[in-house]
Amino acid sequence: MIFSEKLQRLTEGRKRAEISRAAGLPPNAISDYINKGSLPRLDTALALAKVLGVSVAWLADDGKEWPPESIKTPSPTDLSDR
């Protein structure tokens, strides 16, 4: 599954302009990636992955299929020194 297909599935039924803004991108960025099939820079892909709750590795790897691999968001206790 290619990047644009993953992005389309991840954003179905959601406001793409809001997701784009949350990732620090112009409002039309996600629609452009889907419709034009272009690929973002790594920093942009990372921002999108964070907002969408998937790993950038899954998002960027055309060999990975649906559904996305889940990622664990660390809790504050995971980050504290023990």
C-alpha atoms as a PDB file:
ATOM      1  CA  MET A   1       0.000   0.000   0.000  1.00  0.00           C
ATOM      2  CA  ILE A   2       1.568   3.303  -1.041  1.00  0.00           C
ATOM      3  CA  PHE A   3       1.844   6.502   1.007  1.00  0.00           C
ATOM      4  CA  SER A   4      -1.094   8.295  -0.623  1.00  0.00           C
ATOM      5  CA  GLU A   5      -3.410   5.305  -0.093  1.00  0.00           C
ATOM      6  CA  LYS A   6      -2.432   5.060   3.567  1.00  0.00           C
ATOM      7  CA  LEU A   7      -2.962   8.781   4.047  1.00  0.00           C
ATOM      8  CA  GLN A   8      -6.365   8.559   2.384  1.00  0.00           C
ATOM      9  CA  ARG A   9      -7.476   5.667   4.622  1.00  0.00           C
ATOM     10  CA  LEU A  10      -6.138   7.332   7.769  1.00  0.00           C
ATOM     11  CA  THR A  11      -8.020  10.549   7.064  1.00  0.00           C
ATOM     12  CA  GLU A  12     -11.336   9.174   5.749  1.00  0.00           C
ATOM     13  CA  GLY A  13     -14.250  10.879   7.454  1.00  0.00           C
ATOM     14  CA  ARG A  14     -11.968  13.424   9.106  1.00  0.00           C
ATOM     15  CA  LYS A  15     -11.241  17.050   8.293  1.00  0.00           C
ATOM     16  CA  ARG A  16      -7.995  16.897   6.368  1.00  0.00           C
ATOM     17  CA  ALA A  17      -7.372  20.634   6.672  1.00  0.00           C
ATOM     18  CA  GLU A  18      -7.443  20.370  10.479  1.00  0.00           C
ATOM     19  CA  ILE A  19      -5.085  17.388  10.453  1.00  0.00           C
ATOM     20  CA  SER A  20      -2.735  19.270   8.126  1.00  0.00           C
ATOM     21  CA  ARG A  21      -2.719  22.300  10.429  1.00  0.00           C
ATOM     22  CA  ALA A  22      -2.122  20.096  13.485  1.00  0.00           C
ATOM     23  CA  ALA A  23       0.981  18.770  11.715  1.00  0.00           C
ATOM     24  CA  GLY A  24       2.138  22.326  10.977  1.00  0.00           C
ATOM     25  CA  LEU A  25       1.287  22.110   7.279  1.00  0.00           C
ATOM     26  CA  PRO A  26      -0.846  24.192   4.915  1.00  0.00           C
ATOM     27  CA  PRO A  27      -4.554  23.217   5.015  1.00  0.00           C
ATOM     28  CA  ASN A  28      -4.461  21.568   1.574  1.00  0.00           C
ATOM     29  CA  ALA A  29      -1.286  19.502   2.181  1.00  0.00           C
ATOM     30  CA  ILE A  30      -2.926  16.133   2.870  1.00  0.00           C
ATOM     31  CA  SER A  31      -5.315  16.457  -0.068  1.00  0.00           C
ATOM     32  CA  ASP A  32      -2.357  17.343  -2.309  1.00  0.00           C
ATOM     33  CA  TYR A  33      -0.362  14.287  -1.174  1.00  0.00           C
ATOM     34  CA  ILE A  34      -3.384  12.066  -1.837  1.00  0.00           C
ATOM     35  CA  ASN A  35      -4.426  13.561  -5.173  1.00  0.00           C
ATOM     36  CA  LYS A  36      -0.986  14.243  -6.649  1.00  0.00           C
ATOM     37  CA  GLY A  37       0.750  11.159  -5.275  1.00  0.00           C
ATOM     38  CA  SER A  38       3.749  13.179  -4.180  1.00  0.00           C
ATOM     39  CA  LEU A  39       5.883  12.259  -1.192  1.00  0.00           C
ATOM     40  CA  PRO A  40       6.689  14.573   1.714  1.00  0.00           C
ATOM     41  CA  ARG A  41      10.082  15.311   3.186  1.00  0.00           C
ATOM     42  CA  LEU A  42      11.020  13.171   6.164  1.00  0.00           C
ATOM     43  CA  ASP A  43      10.242  15.886   8.728  1.00  0.00           C
ATOM     44  CA  THR A  44       6.787  16.341   7.204  1.00  0.00           C
ATOM     45  CA  ALA A  45       6.123  12.586   7.159  1.00  0.00           C
ATOM     46  CA  LEU A  46       7.156  12.433  10.812  1.00  0.00           C
ATOM     47  CA  ALA A  47       4.778  15.272  11.745  1.00  0.00           C
ATOM     48  CA  LEU A  48       1.914  13.573   9.889  1.00  0.00           C
ATOM     49  CA  ALA A  49       2.661  10.220  11.511  1.00  0.00           C
ATOM     50  CA  LYS A  50       2.604  11.784  14.979  1.00  0.00           C
ATOM     51  CA  VAL A  51      -0.711  13.537  14.381  1.00  0.00           C
ATOM     52  CA  LEU A  52      -2.255  10.397  12.860  1.00  0.00           C
ATOM     53  CA  GLY A  53      -0.921   8.083  15.574  1.00  0.00           C
ATOM     54  CA  VAL A  54       1.082   5.765  13.342  1.00  0.00           C
ATOM     55  CA  SER A  55       4.783   5.114  12.975  1.00  0.00           C
ATOM     56  CA  VAL A  56       6.638   6.978  10.283  1.00  0.00           C
ATOM     57  CA  ALA A  57       8.210   3.640   9.325  1.00  0.00           C
ATOM     58  CA  TRP A  58       4.777   2.161   8.572  1.00  0.00           C
ATOM     59  CA  LEU A  59       3.602   5.285   6.769  1.00  0.00           C
ATOM     60  CA  ALA A  60       6.678   5.454   4.533  1.00  0.00           C
ATOM     61  CA  ASP A  61       7.089   1.739   3.769  1.00  0.00           C
ATOM     62  CA  ASP A  62       5.105   0.780   0.644  1.00  0.00           C
ATOM     63  CA  GLY A  63       5.511  -2.871   1.628  1.00  0.00           C
ATOM     64  CA  LYS A  64       3.398  -2.414   4.765  1.00  0.00           C
ATOM     65  CA  GLU A  65      -0.311  -3.050   4.377  1.00  0.00           C
ATOM     66  CA  TRP A  66      -3.451  -1.988   6.230  1.00  0.00           C
ATOM     67  CA  PRO A  67      -4.110  -1.853   9.165  1.00  0.00           C
ATOM     68  CA  PRO A  68      -1.348   0.353  10.530  1.00  0.00           C
ATOM     69  CA  GLU A  69       0.979  -0.961  13.157  1.00  0.00           C
ATOM     70  CA  SER A  70       0.015   0.453  16.514  1.00  0.00           C
ATOM     71  CA  ILE A  71       2.502   2.610  18.324  1.00  0.00           C
ATOM     72  CA  LYS A  72       2.795   2.972  22.052  1.00  0.00           C
ATOM     73  CA  THR A  73       2.668   6.513  23.336  1.00  0.00           C
ATOM     74  CA  PRO A  74       4.900   6.696  26.397  1.00  0.00           C
ATOM     75  CA  SER A  75       3.258   7.722  29.624  1.00  0.00           C
ATOM     76  CA  PRO A  76       4.976  10.164  31.984  1.00  0.00           C
ATOM     77  CA  THR A  77       6.017   7.238  34.176  1.00  0.00           C
ATOM     78  CA  ASP A  78       7.710   5.580  31.188  1.00  0.00           C
ATOM     79  CA  LEU A  79       9.813   8.699  30.725  1.00  0.00           C
ATOM     80  CA  SER A  80      10.783   9.309  34.350  1.00  0.00           C
ATOM     81  CA  ASP A  81      14.102   8.268  35.817  1.00  0.00           C
ATOM     82  CA  ARG A  82      13.690   5.317  38.081  1.00  0.00           C
END
